[in-house]
PDB file of N, CA and C in Angstrom:
ATOM      1  N   MET A   1     -33.876 -22.046  21.422  1.00  0.00           N
ATOM      2  CA  MET A   1     -32.602 -22.508  20.898  1.00  0.00           C
ATOM      3  C   MET A   1     -31.624 -21.325  20.859  1.00  0.00           C
ATOM      4  N   VAL A   2     -30.474 -21.497  21.440  1.00  0.00           N
ATOM      5  CA  VAL A   2     -29.430 -20.483  21.443  1.00  0.00           C
ATOM      6  C   VAL A   2     -28.501 -20.775  20.285  1.00  0.00           C
ATOM      7  N   GLN A   3     -28.241 -19.742  19.476  1.00  0.00           N
ATOM      8  CA  GLN A   3     -27.424 -19.941  18.284  1.00  0.00           C
ATOM      9  C   GLN A   3     -26.364 -18.848  18.204  1.00  0.00           C
ATOM     10  N   ASN A   4     -25.162 -19.256  17.911  1.00  0.00           N
ATOM     11  CA  ASN A   4     -24.083 -18.311  17.691  1.00  0.00           C
ATOM     12  C   ASN A   4     -24.191 -17.790  16.260  1.00  0.00           C
ATOM     13  N   ASN A   5     -24.432 -16.507  16.124  1.00  0.00           N
ATOM     14  CA  ASN A   5     -24.577 -15.950  14.776  1.00  0.00           C
ATOM     15  C   ASN A   5     -23.288 -15.320  14.262  1.00  0.00           C
ATOM     16  N   ASN A   6     -22.179 -15.520  14.971  1.00  0.00           N
ATOM     17  CA  ASN A   6     -20.908 -14.958  14.542  1.00  0.00           C
ATOM     18  C   ASN A   6     -20.486 -15.517  13.181  1.00  0.00           C
ATOM     19  N   HIS A   7     -20.819 -16.779  12.915  1.00  0.00           N
ATOM     20  CA  HIS A   7     -20.415 -17.375  11.646  1.00  0.00           C
ATOM     21  C   HIS A   7     -21.159 -16.774  10.458  1.00  0.00           C
ATOM     22  N   LYS A   8     -22.221 -16.049  10.713  1.00  0.00           N
ATOM     23  CA  LYS A   8     -22.992 -15.408   9.635  1.00  0.00           C
ATOM     24  C   LYS A   8     -22.424 -14.043   9.257  1.00  0.00           C
ATOM     25  N   ARG A   9     -21.603 -13.483  10.120  1.00  0.00           N
ATOM     26  CA  ARG A   9     -21.079 -12.139   9.890  1.00  0.00           C
ATOM     27  C   ARG A   9     -19.894 -12.155   8.941  1.00  0.00           C
ATOM     28  N   ASP A  10     -19.756 -11.077   8.199  1.00  0.00           N
ATOM     29  CA  ASP A  10     -18.584 -10.902   7.350  1.00  0.00           C
ATOM     30  C   ASP A  10     -17.591 -10.038   8.113  1.00  0.00           C
ATOM     31  N   THR A  11     -16.698 -10.698   8.827  1.00  0.00           N
ATOM     32  CA  THR A  11     -15.733  -9.957   9.650  1.00  0.00           C
ATOM     33  C   THR A  11     -14.522  -9.526   8.838  1.00  0.00           C
ATOM     34  N   SER A  12     -14.342 -10.059   7.639  1.00  0.00           N
ATOM     35  CA  SER A  12     -13.163  -9.727   6.847  1.00  0.00           C
ATOM     36  C   SER A  12     -13.139  -8.251   6.455  1.00  0.00           C
ATOM     37  N   GLU A  13     -14.304  -7.658   6.214  1.00  0.00           N
ATOM     38  CA  GLU A  13     -14.338  -6.251   5.824  1.00  0.00           C
ATOM     39  C   GLU A  13     -13.781  -5.370   6.942  1.00  0.00           C
ATOM     40  N   LYS A  14     -14.187  -5.632   8.168  1.00  0.00           N
ATOM     41  CA  LYS A  14     -13.698  -4.849   9.294  1.00  0.00           C
ATOM     42  C   LYS A  14     -12.195  -5.063   9.479  1.00  0.00           C
ATOM     43  N   LEU A  15     -11.750  -6.299   9.370  1.00  0.00           N
ATOM     44  CA  LEU A  15     -10.319  -6.576   9.488  1.00  0.00           C
ATOM     45  C   LEU A  15      -9.529  -5.888   8.386  1.00  0.00           C
ATOM     46  N   ASP A  16     -10.104  -5.820   7.189  1.00  0.00           N
ATOM     47  CA  ASP A  16      -9.436  -5.113   6.095  1.00  0.00           C
ATOM     48  C   ASP A  16      -9.227  -3.643   6.440  1.00  0.00           C
ATOM     49  N   SER A  17     -10.238  -3.018   7.021  1.00  0.00           N
ATOM     50  CA  SER A  17     -10.102  -1.598   7.365  1.00  0.00           C
ATOM     51  C   SER A  17      -9.119  -1.398   8.517  1.00  0.00           C
ATOM     52  N   ILE A  18      -9.118  -2.308   9.471  1.00  0.00           N
ATOM     53  CA  ILE A  18      -8.150  -2.217  10.576  1.00  0.00           C
ATOM     54  C   ILE A  18      -6.737  -2.370  10.030  1.00  0.00           C
ATOM     55  N   GLN A  19      -6.548  -3.342   9.153  1.00  0.00           N
ATOM     56  CA  GLN A  19      -5.233  -3.579   8.576  1.00  0.00           C
ATOM     57  C   GLN A  19      -4.763  -2.384   7.755  1.00  0.00           C
ATOM     58  N   SER A  20      -5.651  -1.794   6.983  1.00  0.00           N
ATOM     59  CA  SER A  20      -5.246  -0.646   6.162  1.00  0.00           C
ATOM     60  C   SER A  20      -4.942   0.580   7.015  1.00  0.00           C
ATOM     61  N   SER A  21      -5.676   0.766   8.106  1.00  0.00           N
ATOM     62  CA  SER A  21      -5.371   1.909   8.985  1.00  0.00           C
ATOM     63  C   SER A  21      -4.039   1.701   9.705  1.00  0.00           C
ATOM     64  N   LEU A  22      -3.740   0.454  10.090  1.00  0.00           N
ATOM     65  CA  LEU A  22      -2.437   0.176  10.693  1.00  0.00           C
ATOM     66  C   LEU A  22      -1.316   0.388   9.684  1.00  0.00           C
ATOM     67  N   LEU A  23      -1.552  -0.018   8.461  1.00  0.00           N
ATOM     68  CA  LEU A  23      -0.547   0.170   7.417  1.00  0.00           C
ATOM     69  C   LEU A  23      -0.237   1.648   7.224  1.00  0.00           C
ATOM     70  N   LYS A  24      -1.266   2.473   7.221  1.00  0.00           N
ATOM     71  CA  LYS A  24      -1.056   3.922   7.100  1.00  0.00           C
ATOM     72  C   LYS A  24      -0.298   4.460   8.304  1.00  0.00           C
ATOM     73  N   ALA A  25      -0.653   3.994   9.496  1.00  0.00           N
ATOM     74  CA  ALA A  25       0.013   4.456  10.720  1.00  0.00           C
ATOM     75  C   ALA A  25       1.482   4.039  10.751  1.00  0.00           C
ATOM     76  N   MET A  26       1.803   2.957  10.064  1.00  0.00           N
ATOM     77  CA  MET A  26       3.179   2.457  10.033  1.00  0.00           C
ATOM     78  C   MET A  26       3.950   2.989   8.837  1.00  0.00           C
ATOM     79  N   GLY A  27       3.404   3.958   8.138  1.00  0.00           N
ATOM     80  CA  GLY A  27       4.107   4.614   7.048  1.00  0.00           C
ATOM     81  C   GLY A  27       3.968   3.941   5.703  1.00  0.00           C
ATOM     82  N   GLU A  28       3.080   2.984   5.583  1.00  0.00           N
ATOM     83  CA  GLU A  28       2.798   2.295   4.331  1.00  0.00           C
ATOM     84  C   GLU A  28       4.050   1.738   3.653  1.00  0.00           C
ATOM     85  N   SER A  29       5.000   1.299   4.468  1.00  0.00           N
ATOM     86  CA  SER A  29       6.223   0.717   3.926  1.00  0.00           C
ATOM     87  C   SER A  29       5.985  -0.726   3.492  1.00  0.00           C
ATOM     88  N   GLU A  30       6.902  -1.227   2.702  1.00  0.00           N
ATOM     89  CA  GLU A  30       6.819  -2.620   2.252  1.00  0.00           C
ATOM     90  C   GLU A  30       6.936  -3.577   3.438  1.00  0.00           C
ATOM     91  N   ASP A  31       7.815  -3.233   4.396  1.00  0.00           N
ATOM     92  CA  ASP A  31       7.963  -4.064   5.597  1.00  0.00           C
ATOM     93  C   ASP A  31       6.672  -4.124   6.396  1.00  0.00           C
ATOM     94  N   ALA A  32       6.013  -2.986   6.543  1.00  0.00           N
ATOM     95  CA  ALA A  32       4.749  -2.945   7.288  1.00  0.00           C
ATOM     96  C   ALA A  32       3.693  -3.785   6.586  1.00  0.00           C
ATOM     97  N   HIS A  33       3.637  -3.678   5.273  1.00  0.00           N
ATOM     98  CA  HIS A  33       2.672  -4.465   4.505  1.00  0.00           C
ATOM     99  C   HIS A  33       2.940  -5.965   4.683  1.00  0.00           C
ATOM    100  N   THR A  34       4.183  -6.360   4.573  1.00  0.00           N
ATOM    101  CA  THR A  34       4.557  -7.764   4.740  1.00  0.00           C
ATOM    102  C   THR A  34       4.224  -8.250   6.137  1.00  0.00           C
ATOM    103  N   PHE A  35       4.576  -7.458   7.134  1.00  0.00           N
ATOM    104  CA  PHE A  35       4.359  -7.833   8.534  1.00  0.00           C
ATOM    105  C   PHE A  35       2.872  -8.042   8.819  1.00  0.00           C
ATOM    106  N   LEU A  36       2.055  -7.084   8.449  1.00  0.00           N
ATOM    107  CA  LEU A  36       0.614  -7.180   8.718  1.00  0.00           C
ATOM    108  C   LEU A  36      -0.042  -8.307   7.923  1.00  0.00           C
ATOM    109  N   THR A  37       0.376  -8.474   6.688  1.00  0.00           N
ATOM    110  CA  THR A  37      -0.186  -9.548   5.860  1.00  0.00           C
ATOM    111  C   THR A  37       0.168 -10.921   6.422  1.00  0.00           C
ATOM    112  N   GLN A  38       1.395 -11.083   6.851  1.00  0.00           N
ATOM    113  CA  GLN A  38       1.821 -12.363   7.417  1.00  0.00           C
ATOM    114  C   GLN A  38       1.102 -12.652   8.732  1.00  0.00           C
ATOM    115  N   ILE A  39       0.930 -11.648   9.554  1.00  0.00           N
ATOM    116  CA  ILE A  39       0.186 -11.849  10.805  1.00  0.00           C
ATOM    117  C   ILE A  39      -1.229 -12.307  10.492  1.00  0.00           C
ATOM    118  N   ARG A  40      -1.844 -11.658   9.551  1.00  0.00           N
ATOM    119  CA  ARG A  40      -3.218 -12.031   9.206  1.00  0.00           C
ATOM    120  C   ARG A  40      -3.294 -13.429   8.602  1.00  0.00           C
ATOM    121  N   ARG A  41      -2.282 -13.798   7.849  1.00  0.00           N
ATOM    122  CA  ARG A  41      -2.256 -15.122   7.224  1.00  0.00           C
ATOM    123  C   ARG A  41      -1.951 -16.218   8.241  1.00  0.00           C
ATOM    124  N   LEU A  42      -0.981 -15.968   9.122  1.00  0.00           N
ATOM    125  CA  LEU A  42      -0.546 -16.994  10.070  1.00  0.00           C
ATOM    126  C   LEU A  42      -1.430 -17.104  11.305  1.00  0.00           C
ATOM    127  N   LYS A  43      -2.051 -16.018  11.682  1.00  0.00           N
ATOM    128  CA  LYS A  43      -2.848 -15.994  12.906  1.00  0.00           C
ATOM    129  C   LYS A  43      -4.293 -15.598  12.579  1.00  0.00           C
ATOM    130  N   VAL A  44      -4.900 -16.369  11.722  1.00  0.00           N
ATOM    131  CA  VAL A  44      -6.231 -16.059  11.209  1.00  0.00           C
ATOM    132  C   VAL A  44      -7.228 -15.845  12.345  1.00  0.00           C
ATOM    133  N   ARG A  45      -7.226 -16.740  13.278  1.00  0.00           N
ATOM    134  CA  ARG A  45      -8.208 -16.686  14.358  1.00  0.00           C
ATOM    135  C   ARG A  45      -7.989 -15.501  15.298  1.00  0.00           C
ATOM    136  N   TYR A  46      -6.755 -15.080  15.444  1.00  0.00           N
ATOM    137  CA  TYR A  46      -6.428 -14.030  16.415  1.00  0.00           C
ATOM    138  C   TYR A  46      -5.954 -12.740  15.758  1.00  0.00           C
ATOM    139  N   ALA A  47      -6.216 -12.560  14.485  1.00  0.00           N
ATOM    140  CA  ALA A  47      -5.732 -11.384  13.759  1.00  0.00           C
ATOM    141  C   ALA A  47      -6.232 -10.086  14.386  1.00  0.00           C
ATOM    142  N   ARG A  48      -7.492 -10.059  14.797  1.00  0.00           N
ATOM    143  CA  ARG A  48      -8.047  -8.847  15.399  1.00  0.00           C
ATOM    144  C   ARG A  48      -7.302  -8.489  16.690  1.00  0.00           C
ATOM    145  N   ASP A  49      -7.023  -9.481  17.528  1.00  0.00           N
ATOM    146  CA  ASP A  49      -6.279  -9.243  18.764  1.00  0.00           C
ATOM    147  C   ASP A  49      -4.850  -8.804  18.468  1.00  0.00           C
ATOM    148  N   GLN A  50      -4.237  -9.432  17.462  1.00  0.00           N
ATOM    149  CA  GLN A  50      -2.881  -9.059  17.065  1.00  0.00           C
ATOM    150  C   GLN A  50      -2.840  -7.602  16.603  1.00  0.00           C
ATOM    151  N   PHE A  51      -3.796  -7.229  15.768  1.00  0.00           N
ATOM    152  CA  PHE A  51      -3.840  -5.858  15.263  1.00  0.00           C
ATOM    153  C   PHE A  51      -4.105  -4.857  16.386  1.00  0.00           C
ATOM    154  N   SER A  52      -4.908  -5.246  17.353  1.00  0.00           N
ATOM    155  CA  SER A  52      -5.197  -4.378  18.491  1.00  0.00           C
ATOM    156  C   SER A  52      -3.927  -4.101  19.300  1.00  0.00           C
ATOM    157  N   LEU A  53      -3.123  -5.137  19.519  1.00  0.00           N
ATOM    158  CA  LEU A  53      -1.873  -4.957  20.253  1.00  0.00           C
ATOM    159  C   LEU A  53      -0.894  -4.090  19.466  1.00  0.00           C
ATOM    160  N   ILE A  54      -0.823  -4.289  18.176  1.00  0.00           N
ATOM    161  CA  ILE A  54       0.058  -3.463  17.341  1.00  0.00           C
ATOM    162  C   ILE A  54      -0.364  -2.002  17.424  1.00  0.00           C
ATOM    163  N   GLU A  55      -1.661  -1.755  17.417  1.00  0.00           N
ATOM    164  CA  GLU A  55      -2.173  -0.386  17.523  1.00  0.00           C
ATOM    165  C   GLU A  55      -1.746   0.255  18.835  1.00  0.00           C
ATOM    166  N   LYS A  56      -1.802  -0.500  19.922  1.00  0.00           N
ATOM    167  CA  LYS A  56      -1.362   0.011  21.224  1.00  0.00           C
ATOM    168  C   LYS A  56       0.126   0.337  21.211  1.00  0.00           C
ATOM    169  N   VAL A  57       0.923  -0.517  20.589  1.00  0.00           N
ATOM    170  CA  VAL A  57       2.368  -0.285  20.503  1.00  0.00           C
ATOM    171  C   VAL A  57       2.649   0.989  19.721  1.00  0.00           C
ATOM    172  N   LEU A  58       1.913   1.202  18.640  1.00  0.00           N
ATOM    173  CA  LEU A  58       2.112   2.405  17.824  1.00  0.00           C
ATOM    174  C   LEU A  58       1.782   3.671  18.603  1.00  0.00           C
ATOM    175  N   LYS A  59       0.801   3.596  19.491  1.00  0.00           N
ATOM    176  CA  LYS A  59       0.417   4.768  20.282  1.00  0.00           C
ATOM    177  C   LYS A  59       1.440   5.082  21.368  1.00  0.00           C
ATOM    178  N   ILE A  60       2.079   4.065  21.896  1.00  0.00           N
ATOM    179  CA  ILE A  60       2.978   4.230  23.042  1.00  0.00           C
ATOM    180  C   ILE A  60       4.392   4.655  22.634  1.00  0.00           C
ATOM    181  N   HIS A  61       4.905   4.074  21.551  1.00  0.00           N
ATOM    182  CA  HIS A  61       6.317   4.229  21.209  1.00  0.00           C
ATOM    183  C   HIS A  61       6.533   5.222  20.072  1.00  0.00           C
ATOM    184  N   ALA A  62       7.729   5.799  20.073  1.00  0.00           N
ATOM    185  CA  ALA A  62       8.123   6.760  19.044  1.00  0.00           C
ATOM    186  C   ALA A  62       8.291   6.061  17.699  1.00  0.00           C
ATOM    187  N   ASP A  63       8.192   6.828  16.629  1.00  0.00           N
ATOM    188  CA  ASP A  63       8.287   6.279  15.275  1.00  0.00           C
ATOM    189  C   ASP A  63       9.618   5.570  15.033  1.00  0.00           C
ATOM    190  N   VAL A  64      10.715   6.136  15.545  1.00  0.00           N
ATOM    191  CA  VAL A  64      12.027   5.522  15.326  1.00  0.00           C
ATOM    192  C   VAL A  64      12.086   4.154  16.001  1.00  0.00           C
ATOM    193  N   VAL A  65      11.477   4.017  17.157  1.00  0.00           N
ATOM    194  CA  VAL A  65      11.442   2.746  17.871  1.00  0.00           C
ATOM    195  C   VAL A  65      10.585   1.737  17.115  1.00  0.00           C
ATOM    196  N   VAL A  66       9.441   2.179  16.626  1.00  0.00           N
ATOM    197  CA  VAL A  66       8.547   1.308  15.859  1.00  0.00           C
ATOM    198  C   VAL A  66       9.247   0.821  14.594  1.00  0.00           C
ATOM    199  N   ASP A  67       9.958   1.704  13.912  1.00  0.00           N
ATOM    200  CA  ASP A  67      10.671   1.318  12.693  1.00  0.00           C
ATOM    201  C   ASP A  67      11.742   0.269  12.976  1.00  0.00           C
ATOM    202  N   LYS A  68      12.481   0.462  14.073  1.00  0.00           N
ATOM    203  CA  LYS A  68      13.516  -0.519  14.445  1.00  0.00           C
ATOM    204  C   LYS A  68      12.887  -1.858  14.800  1.00  0.00           C
ATOM    205  N   ALA A  69      11.798  -1.828  15.551  1.00  0.00           N
ATOM    206  CA  ALA A  69      11.117  -3.060  15.946  1.00  0.00           C
ATOM    207  C   ALA A  69      10.564  -3.786  14.721  1.00  0.00           C
ATOM    208  N   LEU A  70       9.997  -3.039  13.797  1.00  0.00           N
ATOM    209  CA  LEU A  70       9.466  -3.635  12.578  1.00  0.00           C
ATOM    210  C   LEU A  70      10.575  -4.277  11.748  1.00  0.00           C
ATOM    211  N   SER A  71      11.668  -3.578  11.589  1.00  0.00           N
ATOM    212  CA  SER A  71      12.800  -4.126  10.835  1.00  0.00           C
ATOM    213  C   SER A  71      13.340  -5.392  11.495  1.00  0.00           C
ATOM    214  N   TYR A  72      13.421  -5.360  12.809  1.00  0.00           N
ATOM    215  CA  TYR A  72      13.905  -6.524  13.558  1.00  0.00           C
ATOM    216  C   TYR A  72      12.978  -7.724  13.334  1.00  0.00           C
ATOM    217  N   CYS A  73      11.686  -7.499  13.443  1.00  0.00           N
ATOM    218  CA  CYS A  73      10.717  -8.585  13.275  1.00  0.00           C
ATOM    219  C   CYS A  73      10.742  -9.145  11.857  1.00  0.00           C
ATOM    220  N   ILE A  74      10.844  -8.291  10.866  1.00  0.00           N
ATOM    221  CA  ILE A  74      10.902  -8.745   9.479  1.00  0.00           C
ATOM    222  C   ILE A  74      12.183  -9.547   9.238  1.00  0.00           C
ATOM    223  N   TYR A  75      13.307  -9.027   9.712  1.00  0.00           N
ATOM    224  CA  TYR A  75      14.596  -9.684   9.496  1.00  0.00           C
ATOM    225  C   TYR A  75      14.621 -11.083  10.111  1.00  0.00           C
ATOM    226  N   HIS A  76      14.025 -11.218  11.293  1.00  0.00           N
ATOM    227  CA  HIS A  76      14.029 -12.500  12.012  1.00  0.00           C
ATOM    228  C   HIS A  76      12.762 -13.325  11.783  1.00  0.00           C
ATOM    229  N   SER A  77      11.918 -12.901  10.864  1.00  0.00           N
ATOM    230  CA  SER A  77      10.654 -13.588  10.543  1.00  0.00           C
ATOM    231  C   SER A  77       9.794 -13.818  11.784  1.00  0.00           C
ATOM    232  N   LEU A  78       9.665 -12.786  12.584  1.00  0.00           N
ATOM    233  CA  LEU A  78       8.831 -12.836  13.793  1.00  0.00           C
ATOM    234  C   LEU A  78       7.513 -12.133  13.484  1.00  0.00           C
ATOM    235  N   PHE A  79       6.532 -12.878  13.062  1.00  0.00           N
ATOM    236  CA  PHE A  79       5.255 -12.311  12.668  1.00  0.00           C
ATOM    237  C   PHE A  79       4.245 -12.487  13.793  1.00  0.00           C
ATOM    238  N   SER A  80       4.453 -11.688  14.839  1.00  0.00           N
ATOM    239  CA  SER A  80       3.616 -11.744  16.034  1.00  0.00           C
ATOM    240  C   SER A  80       3.588 -10.366  16.671  1.00  0.00           C
ATOM    241  N   ALA A  81       2.420  -9.968  17.128  1.00  0.00           N
ATOM    242  CA  ALA A  81       2.289  -8.668  17.780  1.00  0.00           C
ATOM    243  C   ALA A  81       3.048  -8.643  19.099  1.00  0.00           C
ATOM    244  N   VAL A  82       3.105  -9.778  19.787  1.00  0.00           N
ATOM    245  CA  VAL A  82       3.831  -9.846  21.057  1.00  0.00           C
ATOM    246  C   VAL A  82       5.329  -9.652  20.816  1.00  0.00           C
ATOM    247  N   GLU A  83       5.857 -10.301  19.786  1.00  0.00           N
ATOM    248  CA  GLU A  83       7.276 -10.122  19.457  1.00  0.00           C
ATOM    249  C   GLU A  83       7.552  -8.680  19.039  1.00  0.00           C
ATOM    250  N   PHE A  84       6.625  -8.089  18.305  1.00  0.00           N
ATOM    251  CA  PHE A  84       6.746  -6.691  17.894  1.00  0.00           C
ATOM    252  C   PHE A  84       6.770  -5.777  19.114  1.00  0.00           C
ATOM    253  N   ARG A  85       5.863  -6.027  20.061  1.00  0.00           N
ATOM    254  CA  ARG A  85       5.830  -5.236  21.294  1.00  0.00           C
ATOM    255  C   ARG A  85       7.126  -5.396  22.078  1.00  0.00           C
ATOM    256  N   ASN A  86       7.601  -6.628  22.209  1.00  0.00           N
ATOM    257  CA  ASN A  86       8.834  -6.881  22.946  1.00  0.00           C
ATOM    258  C   ASN A  86      10.025  -6.179  22.304  1.00  0.00           C
ATOM    259  N   ALA A  87      10.090  -6.231  20.980  1.00  0.00           N
ATOM    260  CA  ALA A  87      11.171  -5.548  20.270  1.00  0.00           C
ATOM    261  C   ALA A  87      11.077  -4.038  20.476  1.00  0.00           C
ATOM    262  N   ALA A  88       9.871  -3.493  20.419  1.00  0.00           N
ATOM    263  CA  ALA A  88       9.689  -2.051  20.627  1.00  0.00           C
ATOM    264  C   ALA A  88      10.117  -1.653  22.041  1.00  0.00           C
ATOM    265  N   GLU A  89       9.763  -2.456  23.027  1.00  0.00           N
ATOM    266  CA  GLU A  89      10.169  -2.167  24.409  1.00  0.00           C
ATOM    267  C   GLU A  89      11.681  -2.222  24.551  1.00  0.00           C
ATOM    268  N   TYR A  90      12.310  -3.195  23.906  1.00  0.00           N
ATOM    269  CA  TYR A  90      13.764  -3.308  23.955  1.00  0.00           C
ATOM    270  C   TYR A  90      14.431  -2.079  23.333  1.00  0.00           C
ATOM    271  N   PHE A  91      13.987  -1.717  22.124  1.00  0.00           N
ATOM    272  CA  PHE A  91      14.591  -0.571  21.443  1.00  0.00           C
ATOM    273  C   PHE A  91      14.278   0.743  22.156  1.00  0.00           C
ATOM    274  N   GLU A  92      13.135   0.818  22.821  1.00  0.00           N
ATOM    275  CA  GLU A  92      12.815   2.003  23.624  1.00  0.00           C
ATOM    276  C   GLU A  92      13.817   2.130  24.773  1.00  0.00           C
ATOM    277  N   GLY A  93      14.119   1.006  25.417  1.00  0.00           N
ATOM    278  CA  GLY A  93      15.112   0.998  26.497  1.00  0.00           C
ATOM    279  C   GLY A  93      16.491   1.398  26.000  1.00  0.00           C
ATOM    280  N   CYS A  94      16.860   0.909  24.820  1.00  0.00           N
ATOM    281  CA  CYS A  94      18.151   1.281  24.230  1.00  0.00           C
ATOM    282  C   CYS A  94      18.208   2.768  23.933  1.00  0.00           C
ATOM    283  N   LEU A  95      17.113   3.308  23.402  1.00  0.00           N
ATOM    284  CA  LEU A  95      17.055   4.730  23.077  1.00  0.00           C
ATOM    285  C   LEU A  95      17.172   5.579  24.348  1.00  0.00           C
ATOM    286  N   GLU A  96      16.459   5.164  25.391  1.00  0.00           N
ATOM    287  CA  GLU A  96      16.537   5.893  26.663  1.00  0.00           C
ATOM    288  C   GLU A  96      17.947   5.849  27.230  1.00  0.00           C
ATOM    289  N   LYS A  97      18.616   4.693  27.132  1.00  0.00           N
ATOM    290  CA  LYS A  97      19.987   4.573  27.636  1.00  0.00           C
ATOM    291  C   LYS A  97      20.930   5.464  26.842  1.00  0.00           C
ATOM    292  N   GLU A  98      20.752   5.499  25.515  1.00  0.00           N
ATOM    293  CA  GLU A  98      21.593   6.365  24.686  1.00  0.00           C
ATOM    294  C   GLU A  98      21.409   7.834  25.066  1.00  0.00           C
ATOM    295  N   LEU A  99      20.165   8.239  25.292  1.00  0.00           N
ATOM    296  CA  LEU A  99      19.898   9.626  25.665  1.00  0.00           C
ATOM    297  C   LEU A  99      20.479   9.943  27.037  1.00  0.00           C
ATOM    298  N   GLU A 100      20.369   8.979  27.941  1.00  0.00           N
ATOM    299  CA  GLU A 100      20.919   9.182  29.292  1.00  0.00           C
ATOM    300  C   GLU A 100      22.439   9.291  29.242  1.00  0.00           C
ATOM    301  N   ASP A 101      23.084   8.413  28.471  1.00  0.00           N
ATOM    302  CA  ASP A 101      24.540   8.464  28.330  1.00  0.00           C
ATOM    303  C   ASP A 101      24.984   9.769  27.680  1.00  0.00           C
ATOM    304  N   ALA A 102      24.233  10.223  26.704  1.00  0.00           N
ATOM    305  CA  ALA A 102      24.579  11.474  26.018  1.00  0.00           C
ATOM    306  C   ALA A 102      24.457  12.661  26.957  1.00  0.00           C
ATOM    307  N   SER A 103      23.493  12.609  27.871  1.00  0.00           N
ATOM    308  CA  SER A 103      23.343  13.730  28.802  1.00  0.00           C
ATOM    309  C   SER A 103      24.442  13.726  29.865  1.00  0.00           C
ATOM    310  N   HIS A 104      24.971  12.565  30.202  1.00  0.00           N
ATOM    311  CA  HIS A 104      26.061  12.485  31.189  1.00  0.00           C
ATOM    312  C   HIS A 104      27.420  12.767  30.573  1.00  0.00           C
ATOM    313  N   HIS A 105      27.566  12.475  29.297  1.00  0.00           N
ATOM    314  CA  HIS A 105      28.832  12.657  28.606  1.00  0.00           C
ATOM    315  C   HIS A 105      28.616  13.446  27.320  1.00  0.00           C
ATOM    316  N   PRO A 106      28.392  14.745  27.441  1.00  0.00           N
ATOM    317  CA  PRO A 106      28.166  15.527  26.226  1.00  0.00           C
ATOM    318  C   PRO A 106      29.444  15.580  25.379  1.00  0.00           C
ATOM    319  N   LYS A 107      29.260  15.571  24.074  1.00  0.00           N
ATOM    320  CA  LYS A 107      30.400  15.625  23.164  1.00  0.00           C
ATOM    321  C   LYS A 107      30.983  17.044  23.183  1.00  0.00           C
ATOM    322  N   LEU A 108      32.282  17.100  23.255  1.00  0.00           N
ATOM    323  CA  LEU A 108      32.963  18.383  23.258  1.00  0.00           C
ATOM    324  C   LEU A 108      33.259  18.804  21.820  1.00  0.00           C
ATOM    325  N   PRO A 109      33.001  20.065  21.507  1.00  0.00           N
ATOM    326  CA  PRO A 109      33.331  20.519  20.141  1.00  0.00           C
ATOM    327  C   PRO A 109      34.832  20.651  19.977  1.00  0.00           C
ATOM    328  N   TYR A 110      35.321  20.313  18.821  1.00  0.00           N
ATOM    329  CA  TYR A 110      36.760  20.401  18.570  1.00  0.00           C
ATOM    330  C   TYR A 110      37.084  21.592  17.746  1.00  0.00           C
TER     331      TYR A 110
END
């Protein structure tokens, strides 16, 4: 008899540690706490995958980009790792454009 023993495991403990490590990586802000808690509440079945994607986004993007993406997601009630990633990519592009424009048009001192 083949039996799935996944239902016997206590996966909440591992998810708790993943969530707390992400919270620390995101600066332990109130927005980060709300965002991660809502993801875990709304996407119970896929919380581990959601947290994994958020972790990848944190590794790839600068802190200022992550903060903007987090604020955007909280403001618009977008509690999804995919939306968070998309926002981070958008703000990363904006940051790169600002830096490129600044290098082409340096401010002159008065």
